[in-house]
């Protein structure tokens, strides 16, 4: 769960870029340099978190104060430290105050 966007349209743009990092104008170049291919519906959680880390560091949202909550950290593998370095990160099930 990612929160802290300044607008709904900013959040939707982030979601699109996260789902399609290989075509996102914000991180496509860095995505290719890292050696990742096309991101699809069957991409591993670790690949999705790598895309999240790139968005938080190199994307339009690098200057935003976004907060990330990983609900199943045991599924994350080696990508979790990348996200931890890029944003305010907490782990565990979502709490209702997280969505306020």
PDB file of N, CA and C in Angstrom:
ATOM      1  N   UNK A   1       0.852  -1.161   0.000  1.00  0.00           N
ATOM      2  CA  UNK A   1       0.000   0.000   0.000  1.00  0.00           C
ATOM      3  C   UNK A   1       0.903   1.230   0.000  1.00  0.00           C
ATOM      4  N   UNK A   2       0.631   2.149  -0.921  1.00  0.00           N
ATOM      5  CA  UNK A   2       1.391   3.389  -0.997  1.00  0.00           C
ATOM      6  C   UNK A   2       0.420   4.539  -0.754  1.00  0.00           C
ATOM      7  N   UNK A   3       0.811   5.466   0.108  1.00  0.00           N
ATOM      8  CA  UNK A   3      -0.050   6.624   0.380  1.00  0.00           C
ATOM      9  C   UNK A   3       0.797   7.884   0.463  1.00  0.00           C
ATOM     10  N   UNK A   4       0.115   9.021   0.445  1.00  0.00           N
ATOM     11  CA  UNK A   4       0.793  10.300   0.572  1.00  0.00           C
ATOM     12  C   UNK A   4       0.810  11.109  -0.710  1.00  0.00           C
ATOM     13  N   UNK A   5      -0.037  10.748  -1.665  1.00  0.00           N
ATOM     14  CA  UNK A   5      -0.087  11.475  -2.933  1.00  0.00           C
ATOM     15  C   UNK A   5      -0.808  12.803  -2.752  1.00  0.00           C
ATOM     16  N   UNK A   6      -0.431  13.775  -3.564  1.00  0.00           N
ATOM     17  CA  UNK A   6      -1.041  15.101  -3.460  1.00  0.00           C
ATOM     18  C   UNK A   6      -2.403  15.165  -4.138  1.00  0.00           C
ATOM     19  N   UNK A   7      -2.684  14.227  -5.053  1.00  0.00           N
ATOM     20  CA  UNK A   7      -3.981  14.214  -5.736  1.00  0.00           C
ATOM     21  C   UNK A   7      -4.299  12.795  -6.207  1.00  0.00           C
ATOM     22  N   UNK A   8      -5.569  12.593  -6.545  1.00  0.00           N
ATOM     23  CA  UNK A   8      -5.976  11.284  -7.064  1.00  0.00           C
ATOM     24  C   UNK A   8      -5.333  11.010  -8.414  1.00  0.00           C
ATOM     25  N   UNK A   9      -5.207  12.029  -9.244  1.00  0.00           N
ATOM     26  CA  UNK A   9      -4.604  11.816 -10.558  1.00  0.00           C
ATOM     27  C   UNK A   9      -3.126  11.444 -10.426  1.00  0.00           C
ATOM     28  N   UNK A  10      -2.444  12.022  -9.434  1.00  0.00           N
ATOM     29  CA  UNK A  10      -1.056  11.659  -9.171  1.00  0.00           C
ATOM     30  C   UNK A  10      -0.960  10.195  -8.731  1.00  0.00           C
ATOM     31  N   UNK A  11      -1.897   9.767  -7.903  1.00  0.00           N
ATOM     32  CA  UNK A  11      -1.928   8.377  -7.439  1.00  0.00           C
ATOM     33  C   UNK A  11      -2.205   7.418  -8.598  1.00  0.00           C
ATOM     34  N   UNK A  12      -3.114   7.783  -9.491  1.00  0.00           N
ATOM     35  CA  UNK A  12      -3.418   6.931 -10.641  1.00  0.00           C
ATOM     36  C   UNK A  12      -2.239   6.847 -11.609  1.00  0.00           C
ATOM     37  N   UNK A  13      -1.547   7.957 -11.805  1.00  0.00           N
ATOM     38  CA  UNK A  13      -0.366   7.952 -12.673  1.00  0.00           C
ATOM     39  C   UNK A  13       0.724   7.059 -12.079  1.00  0.00           C
ATOM     40  N   UNK A  14       0.884   7.126 -10.755  1.00  0.00           N
ATOM     41  CA  UNK A  14       1.855   6.274 -10.069  1.00  0.00           C
ATOM     42  C   UNK A  14       1.485   4.813 -10.243  1.00  0.00           C
ATOM     43  N   UNK A  15       0.207   4.488 -10.060  1.00  0.00           N
ATOM     44  CA  UNK A  15      -0.244   3.099 -10.200  1.00  0.00           C
ATOM     45  C   UNK A  15       0.021   2.576 -11.605  1.00  0.00           C
ATOM     46  N   UNK A  16      -0.255   3.383 -12.619  1.00  0.00           N
ATOM     47  CA  UNK A  16      -0.015   2.971 -13.996  1.00  0.00           C
ATOM     48  C   UNK A  16       1.475   2.721 -14.221  1.00  0.00           C
ATOM     49  N   UNK A  17       2.310   3.642 -13.757  1.00  0.00           N
ATOM     50  CA  UNK A  17       3.761   3.497 -13.933  1.00  0.00           C
ATOM     51  C   UNK A  17       4.283   2.278 -13.184  1.00  0.00           C
ATOM     52  N   UNK A  18       3.692   1.966 -12.046  1.00  0.00           N
ATOM     53  CA  UNK A  18       4.109   0.809 -11.260  1.00  0.00           C
ATOM     54  C   UNK A  18       3.722  -0.487 -11.983  1.00  0.00           C
ATOM     55  N   UNK A  19       2.566  -0.493 -12.614  1.00  0.00           N
ATOM     56  CA  UNK A  19       2.116  -1.680 -13.329  1.00  0.00           C
ATOM     57  C   UNK A  19       2.859  -1.889 -14.643  1.00  0.00           C
ATOM     58  N   UNK A  20       3.325  -0.797 -15.256  1.00  0.00           N
ATOM     59  CA  UNK A  20       3.994  -0.872 -16.561  1.00  0.00           C
ATOM     60  C   UNK A  20       5.324  -0.117 -16.533  1.00  0.00           C
ATOM     61  N   UNK A  21       6.252  -0.535 -15.697  1.00  0.00           N
ATOM     62  CA  UNK A  21       7.520   0.210 -15.590  1.00  0.00           C
ATOM     63  C   UNK A  21       8.337   0.191 -16.875  1.00  0.00           C
ATOM     64  N   UNK A  22       8.163  -0.833 -17.692  1.00  0.00           N
ATOM     65  CA  UNK A  22       8.910  -0.945 -18.947  1.00  0.00           C
ATOM     66  C   UNK A  22       8.465   0.079 -19.984  1.00  0.00           C
ATOM     67  N   UNK A  23       7.266   0.654 -19.847  1.00  0.00           N
ATOM     68  CA  UNK A  23       6.777   1.663 -20.787  1.00  0.00           C
ATOM     69  C   UNK A  23       6.581   3.030 -20.144  1.00  0.00           C
ATOM     70  N   UNK A  24       6.789   3.126 -18.857  1.00  0.00           N
ATOM     71  CA  UNK A  24       6.596   4.396 -18.155  1.00  0.00           C
ATOM     72  C   UNK A  24       7.653   5.413 -18.565  1.00  0.00           C
ATOM     73  N   UNK A  25       7.220   6.611 -18.899  1.00  0.00           N
ATOM     74  CA  UNK A  25       8.185   7.651 -19.270  1.00  0.00           C
ATOM     75  C   UNK A  25       9.042   8.063 -18.091  1.00  0.00           C
ATOM     76  N   UNK A  26       8.611   7.729 -16.894  1.00  0.00           N
ATOM     77  CA  UNK A  26       9.343   8.112 -15.690  1.00  0.00           C
ATOM     78  C   UNK A  26      10.542   7.213 -15.404  1.00  0.00           C
ATOM     79  N   UNK A  27      10.409   5.903 -15.672  1.00  0.00           N
ATOM     80  CA  UNK A  27      11.499   4.990 -15.287  1.00  0.00           C
ATOM     81  C   UNK A  27      11.877   3.953 -16.336  1.00  0.00           C
ATOM     82  N   UNK A  28      11.330   4.007 -17.539  1.00  0.00           N
ATOM     83  CA  UNK A  28      11.590   2.970 -18.546  1.00  0.00           C
ATOM     84  C   UNK A  28      13.081   2.807 -18.822  1.00  0.00           C
ATOM     85  N   UNK A  29      13.799   3.896 -18.891  1.00  0.00           N
ATOM     86  CA  UNK A  29      15.234   3.818 -19.191  1.00  0.00           C
ATOM     87  C   UNK A  29      15.980   3.080 -18.074  1.00  0.00           C
ATOM     88  N   UNK A  30      15.720   3.461 -16.820  1.00  0.00           N
ATOM     89  CA  UNK A  30      16.381   2.790 -15.700  1.00  0.00           C
ATOM     90  C   UNK A  30      15.948   1.331 -15.602  1.00  0.00           C
ATOM     91  N   UNK A  31      14.702   1.051 -15.924  1.00  0.00           N
ATOM     92  CA  UNK A  31      14.182  -0.322 -15.897  1.00  0.00           C
ATOM     93  C   UNK A  31      14.974  -1.207 -16.850  1.00  0.00           C
ATOM     94  N   UNK A  32      15.225  -0.691 -18.058  1.00  0.00           N
ATOM     95  CA  UNK A  32      16.003  -1.442 -19.040  1.00  0.00           C
ATOM     96  C   UNK A  32      17.454  -1.617 -18.625  1.00  0.00           C
ATOM     97  N   UNK A  33      18.048  -0.581 -18.038  1.00  0.00           N
ATOM     98  CA  UNK A  33      19.435  -0.655 -17.581  1.00  0.00           C
ATOM     99  C   UNK A  33      19.590  -1.732 -16.509  1.00  0.00           C
ATOM    100  N   UNK A  34      18.588  -1.872 -15.659  1.00  0.00           N
ATOM    101  CA  UNK A  34      18.630  -2.891 -14.597  1.00  0.00           C
ATOM    102  C   UNK A  34      18.458  -4.303 -15.150  1.00  0.00           C
ATOM    103  N   UNK A  35      18.085  -4.429 -16.423  1.00  0.00           N
ATOM    104  CA  UNK A  35      17.962  -5.740 -17.040  1.00  0.00           C
ATOM    105  C   UNK A  35      16.604  -6.382 -16.898  1.00  0.00           C
ATOM    106  N   UNK A  36      15.616  -5.624 -16.469  1.00  0.00           N
ATOM    107  CA  UNK A  36      14.271  -6.167 -16.342  1.00  0.00           C
ATOM    108  C   UNK A  36      13.566  -6.113 -17.693  1.00  0.00           C
ATOM    109  N   UNK A  37      12.696  -7.062 -17.929  1.00  0.00           N
ATOM    110  CA  UNK A  37      11.907  -7.089 -19.156  1.00  0.00           C
ATOM    111  C   UNK A  37      10.528  -6.512 -18.911  1.00  0.00           C
ATOM    112  N   UNK A  38       9.610  -6.976 -19.713  1.00  0.00           N
ATOM    113  CA  UNK A  38       8.226  -6.520 -19.613  1.00  0.00           C
ATOM    114  C   UNK A  38       7.604  -7.027 -18.316  1.00  0.00           C
ATOM    115  N   UNK A  39       6.910  -6.162 -17.642  1.00  0.00           N
ATOM    116  CA  UNK A  39       6.237  -6.515 -16.394  1.00  0.00           C
ATOM    117  C   UNK A  39       4.800  -6.914 -16.733  1.00  0.00           C
ATOM    118  N   UNK A  40       4.388  -8.085 -16.315  1.00  0.00           N
ATOM    119  CA  UNK A  40       3.042  -8.561 -16.617  1.00  0.00           C
ATOM    120  C   UNK A  40       2.286  -8.933 -15.352  1.00  0.00           C
ATOM    121  N   UNK A  41       1.131  -9.518 -15.541  1.00  0.00           N
ATOM    122  CA  UNK A  41       0.281  -9.868 -14.405  1.00  0.00           C
ATOM    123  C   UNK A  41       0.882 -10.977 -13.552  1.00  0.00           C
ATOM    124  N   UNK A  42       1.820 -11.730 -14.101  1.00  0.00           N
ATOM    125  CA  UNK A  42       2.437 -12.835 -13.354  1.00  0.00           C
ATOM    126  C   UNK A  42       3.827 -12.499 -12.830  1.00  0.00           C
ATOM    127  N   UNK A  43       4.164 -11.220 -12.814  1.00  0.00           N
ATOM    128  CA  UNK A  43       5.479 -10.810 -12.312  1.00  0.00           C
ATOM    129  C   UNK A  43       5.581 -11.098 -10.818  1.00  0.00           C
ATOM    130  N   UNK A  44       6.775 -11.470 -10.401  1.00  0.00           N
ATOM    131  CA  UNK A  44       7.003 -11.780  -8.993  1.00  0.00           C
ATOM    132  C   UNK A  44       6.904 -10.520  -8.145  1.00  0.00           C
ATOM    133  N   UNK A  45       6.603 -10.718  -6.875  1.00  0.00           N
ATOM    134  CA  UNK A  45       6.514  -9.608  -5.936  1.00  0.00           C
ATOM    135  C   UNK A  45       7.839  -8.863  -5.878  1.00  0.00           C
ATOM    136  N   UNK A  46       8.942  -9.578  -5.924  1.00  0.00           N
ATOM    137  CA  UNK A  46      10.247  -8.925  -5.854  1.00  0.00           C
ATOM    138  C   UNK A  46      10.477  -8.001  -7.056  1.00  0.00           C
ATOM    139  N   UNK A  47       9.963  -8.378  -8.239  1.00  0.00           N
ATOM    140  CA  UNK A  47      10.085  -7.528  -9.424  1.00  0.00           C
ATOM    141  C   UNK A  47       9.218  -6.286  -9.268  1.00  0.00           C
ATOM    142  N   UNK A  48       8.026  -6.472  -8.736  1.00  0.00           N
ATOM    143  CA  UNK A  48       7.132  -5.326  -8.490  1.00  0.00           C
ATOM    144  C   UNK A  48       7.751  -4.358  -7.477  1.00  0.00           C
ATOM    145  N   UNK A  49       8.388  -4.901  -6.459  1.00  0.00           N
ATOM    146  CA  UNK A  49       9.028  -4.033  -5.471  1.00  0.00           C
ATOM    147  C   UNK A  49      10.251  -3.327  -6.043  1.00  0.00           C
ATOM    148  N   UNK A  50      10.948  -3.979  -6.970  1.00  0.00           N
ATOM    149  CA  UNK A  50      12.059  -3.311  -7.648  1.00  0.00           C
ATOM    150  C   UNK A  50      11.539  -2.133  -8.462  1.00  0.00           C
ATOM    151  N   UNK A  51      10.392  -2.310  -9.117  1.00  0.00           N
ATOM    152  CA  UNK A  51       9.773  -1.214  -9.860  1.00  0.00           C
ATOM    153  C   UNK A  51       9.354  -0.095  -8.909  1.00  0.00           C
ATOM    154  N   UNK A  52       8.810  -0.467  -7.763  1.00  0.00           N
ATOM    155  CA  UNK A  52       8.419   0.524  -6.756  1.00  0.00           C
ATOM    156  C   UNK A  52       9.628   1.319  -6.289  1.00  0.00           C
ATOM    157  N   UNK A  53      10.722   0.635  -6.018  1.00  0.00           N
ATOM    158  CA  UNK A  53      11.932   1.327  -5.566  1.00  0.00           C
ATOM    159  C   UNK A  53      12.436   2.305  -6.624  1.00  0.00           C
ATOM    160  N   UNK A  54      12.406   1.905  -7.901  1.00  0.00           N
ATOM    161  CA  UNK A  54      12.827   2.807  -8.977  1.00  0.00           C
ATOM    162  C   UNK A  54      11.913   4.026  -9.062  1.00  0.00           C
ATOM    163  N   UNK A  55      10.613   3.811  -8.945  1.00  0.00           N
ATOM    164  CA  UNK A  55       9.678   4.934  -8.988  1.00  0.00           C
ATOM    165  C   UNK A  55       9.921   5.911  -7.841  1.00  0.00           C
ATOM    166  N   UNK A  56      10.223   5.368  -6.680  1.00  0.00           N
ATOM    167  CA  UNK A  56      10.422   6.228  -5.508  1.00  0.00           C
ATOM    168  C   UNK A  56      11.732   6.996  -5.562  1.00  0.00           C
ATOM    169  N   UNK A  57      12.706   6.497  -6.316  1.00  0.00           N
ATOM    170  CA  UNK A  57      14.015   7.151  -6.400  1.00  0.00           C
ATOM    171  C   UNK A  57      14.161   7.994  -7.666  1.00  0.00           C
ATOM    172  N   UNK A  58      13.727   7.448  -8.813  1.00  0.00           N
ATOM    173  CA  UNK A  58      13.983   8.106 -10.090  1.00  0.00           C
ATOM    174  C   UNK A  58      12.757   8.740 -10.724  1.00  0.00           C
ATOM    175  N   UNK A  59      11.595   8.355 -10.314  1.00  0.00           N
ATOM    176  CA  UNK A  59      10.381   8.825 -10.964  1.00  0.00           C
ATOM    177  C   UNK A  59       9.958  10.209 -10.524  1.00  0.00           C
ATOM    178  N   UNK A  60       8.876  10.642 -11.086  1.00  0.00           N
ATOM    179  CA  UNK A  60       8.260  11.930 -10.775  1.00  0.00           C
ATOM    180  C   UNK A  60       7.966  12.054  -9.274  1.00  0.00           C
ATOM    181  N   UNK A  61       7.821  10.925  -8.603  1.00  0.00           N
ATOM    182  CA  UNK A  61       7.410  10.915  -7.207  1.00  0.00           C
ATOM    183  C   UNK A  61       8.580  10.890  -6.243  1.00  0.00           C
ATOM    184  N   UNK A  62       9.790  11.011  -6.735  1.00  0.00           N
ATOM    185  CA  UNK A  62      10.972  10.968  -5.864  1.00  0.00           C
ATOM    186  C   UNK A  62      10.952  12.095  -4.835  1.00  0.00           C
ATOM    187  N   UNK A  63      10.381  13.231  -5.195  1.00  0.00           N
ATOM    188  CA  UNK A  63      10.349  14.378  -4.280  1.00  0.00           C
ATOM    189  C   UNK A  63       9.148  14.335  -3.330  1.00  0.00           C
ATOM    190  N   UNK A  64       8.236  13.396  -3.545  1.00  0.00           N
ATOM    191  CA  UNK A  64       7.040  13.296  -2.690  1.00  0.00           C
ATOM    192  C   UNK A  64       7.370  12.547  -1.406  1.00  0.00           C
ATOM    193  N   UNK A  65       6.647  12.849  -0.376  1.00  0.00           N
ATOM    194  CA  UNK A  65       6.822  12.155   0.905  1.00  0.00           C
ATOM    195  C   UNK A  65       5.837  10.992   0.961  1.00  0.00           C
ATOM    196  N   UNK A  66       6.116   9.950   0.186  1.00  0.00           N
ATOM    197  CA  UNK A  66       5.222   8.802   0.140  1.00  0.00           C
ATOM    198  C   UNK A  66       5.576   7.806   1.238  1.00  0.00           C
ATOM    199  N   UNK A  67       4.561   7.092   1.693  1.00  0.00           N
ATOM    200  CA  UNK A  67       4.730   6.060   2.712  1.00  0.00           C
ATOM    201  C   UNK A  67       4.294   4.733   2.116  1.00  0.00           C
ATOM    202  N   UNK A  68       5.079   3.692   2.373  1.00  0.00           N
ATOM    203  CA  UNK A  68       4.818   2.362   1.829  1.00  0.00           C
ATOM    204  C   UNK A  68       4.595   1.393   2.980  1.00  0.00           C
ATOM    205  N   UNK A  69       3.550   0.588   2.874  1.00  0.00           N
ATOM    206  CA  UNK A  69       3.297  -0.477   3.850  1.00  0.00           C
ATOM    207  C   UNK A  69       3.266  -1.797   3.096  1.00  0.00           C
ATOM    208  N   UNK A  70       4.154  -2.709   3.449  1.00  0.00           N
ATOM    209  CA  UNK A  70       4.226  -4.037   2.836  1.00  0.00           C
ATOM    210  C   UNK A  70       3.476  -4.997   3.752  1.00  0.00           C
ATOM    211  N   UNK A  71       2.402  -5.560   3.225  1.00  0.00           N
ATOM    212  CA  UNK A  71       1.532  -6.415   4.048  1.00  0.00           C
ATOM    213  C   UNK A  71       2.075  -7.826   4.229  1.00  0.00           C
ATOM    214  N   UNK A  72       2.888  -8.303   3.309  1.00  0.00           N
ATOM    215  CA  UNK A  72       3.445  -9.651   3.394  1.00  0.00           C
ATOM    216  C   UNK A  72       4.954  -9.590   3.137  1.00  0.00           C
ATOM    217  N   UNK A  73       5.736  -9.107   4.110  1.00  0.00           N
ATOM    218  CA  UNK A  73       7.172  -8.933   3.879  1.00  0.00           C
ATOM    219  C   UNK A  73       7.913 -10.228   3.573  1.00  0.00           C
ATOM    220  N   UNK A  74       7.386 -11.360   3.985  1.00  0.00           N
ATOM    221  CA  UNK A  74       8.046 -12.643   3.721  1.00  0.00           C
ATOM    222  C   UNK A  74       8.046 -12.983   2.221  1.00  0.00           C
ATOM    223  N   UNK A  75       7.170 -12.336   1.455  1.00  0.00           N
ATOM    224  CA  UNK A  75       7.091 -12.561   0.008  1.00  0.00           C
ATOM    225  C   UNK A  75       8.045 -11.666  -0.782  1.00  0.00           C
ATOM    226  N   UNK A  76       8.703 -10.750  -0.121  1.00  0.00           N
ATOM    227  CA  UNK A  76       9.436  -9.682  -0.817  1.00  0.00           C
ATOM    228  C   UNK A  76      10.837 -10.048  -1.256  1.00  0.00           C
ATOM    229  N   UNK A  77      11.483 -10.920  -0.562  1.00  0.00           N
ATOM    230  CA  UNK A  77      12.833 -11.304  -0.938  1.00  0.00           C
ATOM    231  C   UNK A  77      13.826 -10.170  -0.789  1.00  0.00           C
ATOM    232  N   UNK A  78      14.736 -10.069  -1.740  1.00  0.00           N
ATOM    233  CA  UNK A  78      15.827  -9.104  -1.677  1.00  0.00           C
ATOM    234  C   UNK A  78      15.401  -7.683  -2.015  1.00  0.00           C
ATOM    235  N   UNK A  79      14.208  -7.495  -2.545  1.00  0.00           N
ATOM    236  CA  UNK A  79      13.780  -6.165  -2.979  1.00  0.00           C
ATOM    237  C   UNK A  79      13.343  -5.275  -1.816  1.00  0.00           C
ATOM    238  N   UNK A  80      13.025  -5.849  -0.684  1.00  0.00           N
ATOM    239  CA  UNK A  80      12.539  -5.054   0.444  1.00  0.00           C
ATOM    240  C   UNK A  80      13.541  -3.991   0.900  1.00  0.00           C
ATOM    241  N   UNK A  81      14.834  -4.289   1.014  1.00  0.00           N
ATOM    242  CA  UNK A  81      15.783  -3.228   1.395  1.00  0.00           C
ATOM    243  C   UNK A  81      15.838  -2.069   0.399  1.00  0.00           C
ATOM    244  N   UNK A  82      15.601  -2.339  -0.883  1.00  0.00           N
ATOM    245  CA  UNK A  82      15.580  -1.266  -1.876  1.00  0.00           C
ATOM    246  C   UNK A  82      14.452  -0.284  -1.596  1.00  0.00           C
ATOM    247  N   UNK A  83      13.290  -0.814  -1.262  1.00  0.00           N
ATOM    248  CA  UNK A  83      12.141   0.034  -0.966  1.00  0.00           C
ATOM    249  C   UNK A  83      12.366   0.749   0.361  1.00  0.00           C
ATOM    250  N   UNK A  84      12.925   0.054   1.334  1.00  0.00           N
ATOM    251  CA  UNK A  84      13.188   0.653   2.649  1.00  0.00           C
ATOM    252  C   UNK A  84      14.112   1.865   2.511  1.00  0.00           C
ATOM    253  N   UNK A  85      15.091   1.782   1.619  1.00  0.00           N
ATOM    254  CA  UNK A  85      16.028   2.887   1.417  1.00  0.00           C
ATOM    255  C   UNK A  85      15.364   4.048   0.680  1.00  0.00           C
ATOM    256  N   UNK A  86      14.316   3.779  -0.098  1.00  0.00           N
ATOM    257  CA  UNK A  86      13.708   4.802  -0.936  1.00  0.00           C
ATOM    258  C   UNK A  86      12.551   5.554  -0.291  1.00  0.00           C
ATOM    259  N   UNK A  87      11.907   4.973   0.709  1.00  0.00           N
ATOM    260  CA  UNK A  87      10.704   5.606   1.258  1.00  0.00           C
ATOM    261  C   UNK A  87      10.512   5.211   2.706  1.00  0.00           C
ATOM    262  N   UNK A  88       9.567   5.881   3.351  1.00  0.00           N
ATOM    263  CA  UNK A  88       9.145   5.477   4.684  1.00  0.00           C
ATOM    264  C   UNK A  88       8.431   4.139   4.565  1.00  0.00           C
ATOM    265  N   UNK A  89       8.985   3.107   5.145  1.00  0.00           N
ATOM    266  CA  UNK A  89       8.466   1.755   4.962  1.00  0.00           C
ATOM    267  C   UNK A  89       8.069   1.157   6.295  1.00  0.00           C
ATOM    268  N   UNK A  90       6.893   0.542   6.315  1.00  0.00           N
ATOM    269  CA  UNK A  90       6.471  -0.260   7.451  1.00  0.00           C
ATOM    270  C   UNK A  90       6.001  -1.602   6.903  1.00  0.00           C
ATOM    271  N   UNK A  91       6.009  -2.612   7.750  1.00  0.00           N
ATOM    272  CA  UNK A  91       5.587  -3.951   7.347  1.00  0.00           C
ATOM    273  C   UNK A  91       4.471  -4.428   8.256  1.00  0.00           C
ATOM    274  N   UNK A  92       3.635  -5.284   7.730  1.00  0.00           N
ATOM    275  CA  UNK A  92       2.556  -5.868   8.506  1.00  0.00           C
ATOM    276  C   UNK A  92       1.208  -5.608   7.865  1.00  0.00           C
ATOM    277  N   UNK A  93       0.156  -6.165   8.441  1.00  0.00           N
ATOM    278  CA  UNK A  93      -1.171  -5.990   7.857  1.00  0.00           C
ATOM    279  C   UNK A  93      -1.596  -4.525   7.907  1.00  0.00           C
ATOM    280  N   UNK A  94      -2.412  -4.110   6.942  1.00  0.00           N
ATOM    281  CA  UNK A  94      -2.862  -2.718   6.942  1.00  0.00           C
ATOM    282  C   UNK A  94      -3.733  -2.411   8.154  1.00  0.00           C
ATOM    283  N   UNK A  95      -3.550  -1.206   8.650  1.00  0.00           N
ATOM    284  CA  UNK A  95      -4.394  -0.735   9.763  1.00  0.00           C
ATOM    285  C   UNK A  95      -5.312   0.341   9.210  1.00  0.00           C
ATOM    286  N   UNK A  96      -6.446   0.532   9.849  1.00  0.00           N
ATOM    287  CA  UNK A  96      -7.412   1.494   9.332  1.00  0.00           C
ATOM    288  C   UNK A  96      -6.860   2.917   9.328  1.00  0.00           C
ATOM    289  N   UNK A  97      -6.034   3.282  10.293  1.00  0.00           N
ATOM    290  CA  UNK A  97      -5.499   4.647  10.323  1.00  0.00           C
ATOM    291  C   UNK A  97      -4.505   4.889   9.181  1.00  0.00           C
ATOM    292  N   UNK A  98      -4.001   3.827   8.556  1.00  0.00           N
ATOM    293  CA  UNK A  98      -3.093   3.980   7.427  1.00  0.00           C
ATOM    294  C   UNK A  98      -3.806   4.607   6.241  1.00  0.00           C
ATOM    295  N   UNK A  99      -5.110   4.367   6.137  1.00  0.00           N
ATOM    296  CA  UNK A  99      -5.872   4.840   4.999  1.00  0.00           C
ATOM    297  C   UNK A  99      -6.501   6.200   5.226  1.00  0.00           C
ATOM    298  N   UNK A 100      -6.348   6.781   6.378  1.00  0.00           N
ATOM    299  CA  UNK A 100      -6.940   8.100   6.672  1.00  0.00           C
ATOM    300  C   UNK A 100      -6.184   9.214   6.006  1.00  0.00           C
TER     301      UNK A 100
END
